[in-house]
Amino acid sequence: MALRNLLLAIPLLIVLPWPAALAGDIHVEQGHRFVRLHCAMCHAVERFGESPLPIAPRFRELHELYPVEDLAESLAEGIFVNHPIMPQFTLDPDQVGDIIAYLKSLED
């Protein structure tokens, strides 16, 4: 009987995500939504495609340049670069976490 119950539960374990994984997916989706809205006009923010602005780095390759976690401080303090096209903005801690989660998801 116990083996039968275990066998019946296995499909549920495969189909139903764990709460921690669900929370991670929510942050990834929120980060993806943010970068599509605020960054995609210049950067390639998806797993494929080129940046509309050729000098703008593709987000899927950022982890090849440095650990994306290192961007958290810059995102929180405000991204300031030496070209006038890049808008200057500061993000709240939740937005920073969401963007980092999305960038990490592109590493796979």
N, C-alpha and C. Protein backbone atom coordinates (compact mmCIF):
# COMPACT_ATOMS: atom_id res chain seq x y z
N MET A 1 0.82 -1.20 0.00
CA MET A 1 0.00 0.00 0.00
C MET A 1 0.87 1.27 0.00
N ALA A 2 1.94 1.28 0.82
CA ALA A 2 2.82 2.44 0.88
C ALA A 2 3.53 2.65 -0.45
N LEU A 3 3.96 1.57 -1.08
CA LEU A 3 4.61 1.67 -2.39
C LEU A 3 3.64 2.22 -3.43
N ARG A 4 2.41 1.77 -3.38
CA ARG A 4 1.39 2.27 -4.31
C ARG A 4 1.18 3.77 -4.14
N ASN A 5 1.10 4.24 -2.89
CA ASN A 5 0.93 5.68 -2.62
C ASN A 5 2.13 6.48 -3.12
N LEU A 6 3.32 5.93 -2.92
CA LEU A 6 4.53 6.60 -3.40
C LEU A 6 4.51 6.70 -4.92
N LEU A 7 4.16 5.62 -5.57
CA LEU A 7 4.11 5.64 -7.03
C LEU A 7 3.06 6.62 -7.55
N LEU A 8 1.98 6.77 -6.85
CA LEU A 8 0.96 7.74 -7.25
C LEU A 8 1.43 9.18 -7.03
N ALA A 9 2.31 9.40 -6.06
CA ALA A 9 2.78 10.75 -5.74
C ALA A 9 3.89 11.21 -6.68
N ILE A 10 4.63 10.30 -7.28
CA ILE A 10 5.76 10.68 -8.12
C ILE A 10 5.37 11.63 -9.25
N PRO A 11 4.28 11.37 -9.99
CA PRO A 11 3.92 12.34 -11.04
C PRO A 11 3.66 13.74 -10.49
N LEU A 12 3.12 13.85 -9.30
CA LEU A 12 2.88 15.16 -8.71
C LEU A 12 4.19 15.87 -8.41
N LEU A 13 5.19 15.13 -7.97
CA LEU A 13 6.49 15.74 -7.68
C LEU A 13 7.15 16.26 -8.96
N ILE A 14 6.89 15.59 -10.05
CA ILE A 14 7.47 16.01 -11.31
C ILE A 14 6.73 17.22 -11.88
N VAL A 15 5.43 17.24 -11.77
CA VAL A 15 4.60 18.29 -12.37
C VAL A 15 4.52 19.54 -11.52
N LEU A 16 4.38 19.38 -10.22
CA LEU A 16 4.19 20.54 -9.35
C LEU A 16 5.53 21.09 -8.88
N PRO A 17 5.83 22.35 -9.13
CA PRO A 17 7.10 22.91 -8.70
C PRO A 17 7.13 23.14 -7.20
N TRP A 18 8.32 23.16 -6.65
CA TRP A 18 8.50 23.47 -5.23
C TRP A 18 8.29 24.96 -5.03
N PRO A 19 7.85 25.39 -3.85
CA PRO A 19 7.62 26.83 -3.60
C PRO A 19 8.85 27.70 -3.87
N ALA A 20 10.05 27.26 -3.52
CA ALA A 20 11.25 28.07 -3.78
C ALA A 20 11.46 28.25 -5.27
N ALA A 21 11.22 27.20 -6.03
CA ALA A 21 11.37 27.31 -7.48
C ALA A 21 10.32 28.26 -8.04
N LEU A 22 9.12 28.21 -7.50
CA LEU A 22 8.08 29.12 -7.94
C LEU A 22 8.48 30.57 -7.69
N ALA A 23 9.03 30.85 -6.52
CA ALA A 23 9.45 32.21 -6.19
C ALA A 23 10.54 32.66 -7.15
N GLY A 24 11.48 31.77 -7.46
CA GLY A 24 12.55 32.12 -8.40
C GLY A 24 11.99 32.43 -9.78
N ASP A 25 11.01 31.65 -10.22
CA ASP A 25 10.40 31.87 -11.52
C ASP A 25 9.69 33.22 -11.57
N ILE A 26 9.07 33.60 -10.48
CA ILE A 26 8.39 34.90 -10.42
C ILE A 26 9.39 36.03 -10.59
N HIS A 27 10.54 35.93 -9.92
CA HIS A 27 11.56 36.97 -10.04
C HIS A 27 12.14 37.01 -11.45
N VAL A 28 12.36 35.85 -12.03
CA VAL A 28 12.87 35.79 -13.40
C VAL A 28 11.88 36.45 -14.35
N GLU A 29 10.60 36.12 -14.21
CA GLU A 29 9.58 36.70 -15.10
C GLU A 29 9.47 38.21 -14.90
N GLN A 30 9.52 38.68 -13.66
CA GLN A 30 9.45 40.12 -13.41
C GLN A 30 10.68 40.83 -13.98
N GLY A 31 11.85 40.21 -13.84
CA GLY A 31 13.07 40.78 -14.43
C GLY A 31 12.99 40.82 -15.94
N HIS A 32 12.47 39.73 -16.53
CA HIS A 32 12.32 39.68 -17.98
C HIS A 32 11.37 40.77 -18.46
N ARG A 33 10.27 40.93 -17.76
CA ARG A 33 9.30 41.97 -18.11
C ARG A 33 9.96 43.36 -18.04
N PHE A 34 10.72 43.60 -16.98
CA PHE A 34 11.37 44.91 -16.81
C PHE A 34 12.35 45.19 -17.95
N VAL A 35 13.23 44.22 -18.26
CA VAL A 35 14.23 44.49 -19.30
C VAL A 35 13.60 44.60 -20.68
N ARG A 36 12.51 43.86 -20.93
CA ARG A 36 11.81 44.02 -22.22
C ARG A 36 11.25 45.44 -22.35
N LEU A 37 10.72 45.96 -21.25
CA LEU A 37 10.11 47.29 -21.27
C LEU A 37 11.14 48.41 -21.32
N HIS A 38 12.23 48.28 -20.56
CA HIS A 38 13.17 49.39 -20.38
C HIS A 38 14.51 49.25 -21.11
N CYS A 39 14.84 48.06 -21.57
CA CYS A 39 16.19 47.85 -22.10
C CYS A 39 16.21 47.35 -23.55
N ALA A 40 15.13 46.72 -23.99
CA ALA A 40 15.12 46.04 -25.29
C ALA A 40 15.21 46.97 -26.48
N MET A 41 14.98 48.27 -26.29
CA MET A 41 15.09 49.16 -27.43
C MET A 41 16.54 49.32 -27.87
N CYS A 42 17.49 48.97 -27.00
CA CYS A 42 18.90 49.05 -27.37
C CYS A 42 19.62 47.69 -27.25
N HIS A 43 19.27 46.92 -26.22
CA HIS A 43 19.96 45.66 -25.93
C HIS A 43 19.16 44.45 -26.41
N ALA A 44 19.88 43.40 -26.81
CA ALA A 44 19.25 42.10 -27.02
C ALA A 44 19.02 41.52 -25.62
N VAL A 45 17.77 41.37 -25.23
CA VAL A 45 17.46 40.91 -23.88
C VAL A 45 16.99 39.46 -23.85
N GLU A 46 16.85 38.85 -25.03
CA GLU A 46 16.38 37.47 -25.13
C GLU A 46 17.56 36.52 -25.31
N ARG A 47 17.27 35.24 -25.40
CA ARG A 47 18.30 34.21 -25.60
C ARG A 47 18.84 34.19 -27.02
N PHE A 48 18.28 34.99 -27.91
CA PHE A 48 18.71 35.02 -29.30
C PHE A 48 18.54 36.44 -29.82
N GLY A 49 19.07 36.70 -30.98
CA GLY A 49 18.90 38.00 -31.62
C GLY A 49 20.04 38.97 -31.30
N GLU A 50 20.10 40.00 -32.11
CA GLU A 50 21.13 41.02 -31.96
C GLU A 50 20.56 42.26 -31.28
N SER A 51 21.44 43.02 -30.67
CA SER A 51 21.02 44.27 -30.04
C SER A 51 20.63 45.26 -31.12
N PRO A 52 19.48 45.94 -30.96
CA PRO A 52 19.09 46.97 -31.93
C PRO A 52 20.15 48.07 -32.06
N LEU A 53 20.83 48.37 -30.97
CA LEU A 53 21.94 49.33 -30.99
C LEU A 53 23.22 48.49 -30.95
N PRO A 54 23.98 48.47 -32.03
CA PRO A 54 25.12 47.55 -32.12
C PRO A 54 26.14 47.64 -30.97
N ILE A 55 26.31 48.81 -30.37
CA ILE A 55 27.28 48.92 -29.27
C ILE A 55 26.74 48.42 -27.94
N ALA A 56 25.45 48.14 -27.87
CA ALA A 56 24.82 47.70 -26.61
C ALA A 56 25.06 46.20 -26.43
N PRO A 57 25.63 45.80 -25.30
CA PRO A 57 25.90 44.37 -25.10
C PRO A 57 24.61 43.54 -25.05
N ARG A 58 24.72 42.31 -25.54
CA ARG A 58 23.61 41.36 -25.47
C ARG A 58 23.56 40.81 -24.04
N PHE A 59 22.40 40.87 -23.43
CA PHE A 59 22.26 40.45 -22.03
C PHE A 59 22.64 39.00 -21.82
N ARG A 60 22.41 38.13 -22.80
CA ARG A 60 22.72 36.72 -22.64
C ARG A 60 24.22 36.46 -22.56
N GLU A 61 25.04 37.47 -22.90
CA GLU A 61 26.49 37.31 -22.87
C GLU A 61 27.14 38.04 -21.71
N LEU A 62 26.37 38.74 -20.89
CA LEU A 62 26.97 39.50 -19.79
C LEU A 62 27.75 38.61 -18.83
N HIS A 63 27.25 37.40 -18.57
CA HIS A 63 27.95 36.52 -17.64
C HIS A 63 29.30 36.06 -18.17
N GLU A 64 29.54 36.21 -19.46
CA GLU A 64 30.85 35.87 -20.03
C GLU A 64 31.87 36.96 -19.73
N LEU A 65 31.40 38.16 -19.45
CA LEU A 65 32.27 39.28 -19.15
C LEU A 65 32.60 39.39 -17.67
N TYR A 66 31.63 39.10 -16.81
CA TYR A 66 31.80 39.17 -15.36
C TYR A 66 30.59 38.53 -14.70
N PRO A 67 30.72 38.18 -13.43
CA PRO A 67 29.55 37.61 -12.73
C PRO A 67 28.41 38.62 -12.69
N VAL A 68 27.22 38.22 -13.12
CA VAL A 68 26.11 39.17 -13.16
C VAL A 68 25.72 39.66 -11.77
N GLU A 69 26.03 38.89 -10.73
CA GLU A 69 25.74 39.36 -9.37
C GLU A 69 26.47 40.67 -9.09
N ASP A 70 27.60 40.87 -9.76
CA ASP A 70 28.37 42.10 -9.56
C ASP A 70 27.64 43.33 -10.08
N LEU A 71 26.62 43.14 -10.89
CA LEU A 71 25.84 44.27 -11.41
C LEU A 71 24.85 44.81 -10.39
N ALA A 72 24.57 44.05 -9.34
CA ALA A 72 23.54 44.45 -8.38
C ALA A 72 23.83 45.83 -7.79
N GLU A 73 25.05 46.07 -7.40
CA GLU A 73 25.39 47.36 -6.80
C GLU A 73 25.22 48.49 -7.80
N SER A 74 25.68 48.28 -9.03
CA SER A 74 25.52 49.31 -10.06
C SER A 74 24.06 49.59 -10.35
N LEU A 75 23.25 48.54 -10.39
CA LEU A 75 21.82 48.73 -10.64
C LEU A 75 21.17 49.49 -9.50
N ALA A 76 21.57 49.20 -8.28
CA ALA A 76 20.98 49.86 -7.11
C ALA A 76 21.40 51.32 -7.01
N GLU A 77 22.65 51.60 -7.36
CA GLU A 77 23.16 52.97 -7.24
C GLU A 77 22.84 53.82 -8.46
N GLY A 78 22.56 53.17 -9.56
CA GLY A 78 22.28 53.88 -10.80
C GLY A 78 23.35 53.57 -11.82
N ILE A 79 22.93 53.22 -13.00
CA ILE A 79 23.88 52.90 -14.07
C ILE A 79 24.23 54.19 -14.79
N PHE A 80 25.51 54.49 -14.78
CA PHE A 80 26.00 55.67 -15.46
C PHE A 80 27.12 55.24 -16.39
N VAL A 81 26.95 55.51 -17.67
CA VAL A 81 27.97 55.15 -18.64
C VAL A 81 28.40 56.39 -19.40
N ASN A 82 29.45 56.25 -20.17
CA ASN A 82 30.04 57.41 -20.84
C ASN A 82 29.46 57.70 -22.21
N HIS A 83 28.28 57.22 -22.52
CA HIS A 83 27.67 57.62 -23.78
C HIS A 83 26.26 58.14 -23.51
N PRO A 84 25.86 59.16 -24.23
CA PRO A 84 24.61 59.87 -23.92
C PRO A 84 23.34 59.08 -24.23
N ILE A 85 23.43 58.01 -24.96
CA ILE A 85 22.23 57.27 -25.34
C ILE A 85 21.65 56.50 -24.16
N MET A 86 22.50 56.00 -23.29
CA MET A 86 22.06 55.18 -22.16
C MET A 86 21.37 56.06 -21.12
N PRO A 87 20.11 55.76 -20.83
CA PRO A 87 19.42 56.55 -19.80
C PRO A 87 19.99 56.26 -18.42
N GLN A 88 19.92 57.22 -17.55
CA GLN A 88 20.37 57.04 -16.18
C GLN A 88 19.15 56.78 -15.31
N PHE A 89 19.23 55.72 -14.52
CA PHE A 89 18.12 55.42 -13.63
C PHE A 89 18.63 54.62 -12.45
N THR A 90 17.83 54.63 -11.38
CA THR A 90 18.13 53.89 -10.17
C THR A 90 16.96 52.94 -9.91
N LEU A 91 17.28 51.73 -9.49
CA LEU A 91 16.25 50.72 -9.26
C LEU A 91 16.08 50.44 -7.79
N ASP A 92 14.89 50.02 -7.39
CA ASP A 92 14.69 49.62 -6.00
C ASP A 92 15.24 48.19 -5.82
N PRO A 93 15.45 47.76 -4.58
CA PRO A 93 16.04 46.44 -4.34
C PRO A 93 15.29 45.28 -4.98
N ASP A 94 13.96 45.33 -5.02
CA ASP A 94 13.21 44.26 -5.66
C ASP A 94 13.47 44.20 -7.16
N GLN A 95 13.53 45.36 -7.80
CA GLN A 95 13.82 45.40 -9.24
C GLN A 95 15.22 44.86 -9.52
N VAL A 96 16.18 45.23 -8.69
CA VAL A 96 17.54 44.74 -8.84
C VAL A 96 17.55 43.21 -8.76
N GLY A 97 16.90 42.66 -7.75
CA GLY A 97 16.85 41.21 -7.59
C GLY A 97 16.19 40.52 -8.77
N ASP A 98 15.12 41.13 -9.28
CA ASP A 98 14.42 40.56 -10.43
C ASP A 98 15.32 40.54 -11.67
N ILE A 99 16.01 41.64 -11.91
CA ILE A 99 16.89 41.71 -13.09
C ILE A 99 18.04 40.73 -12.96
N ILE A 100 18.64 40.65 -11.78
CA ILE A 100 19.73 39.70 -11.58
C ILE A 100 19.22 38.27 -11.79
N ALA A 101 18.04 37.96 -11.27
CA ALA A 101 17.46 36.62 -11.46
C ALA A 101 17.28 36.33 -12.94
N TYR A 102 16.80 37.31 -13.70
CA TYR A 102 16.61 37.10 -15.13
C TYR A 102 17.96 36.90 -15.83
N LEU A 103 18.93 37.75 -15.51
CA LEU A 103 20.25 37.61 -16.15
C LEU A 103 20.87 36.26 -15.83
N LYS A 104 20.70 35.79 -14.58
CA LYS A 104 21.21 34.47 -14.21
C LYS A 104 20.52 33.38 -15.02
N SER A 105 19.24 33.56 -15.31
CA SER A 105 18.52 32.54 -16.09
C SER A 105 19.05 32.42 -17.51
N LEU A 106 19.69 33.46 -18.01
CA LEU A 106 20.25 33.44 -19.36
C LEU A 106 21.58 32.69 -19.42
N GLU A 107 22.15 32.36 -18.28
CA GLU A 107 23.43 31.66 -18.25
C GLU A 107 23.32 30.20 -18.65
N ASP A 108 22.13 29.64 -18.56
CA ASP A 108 21.94 28.21 -18.85
C ASP A 108 22.06 27.90 -20.32
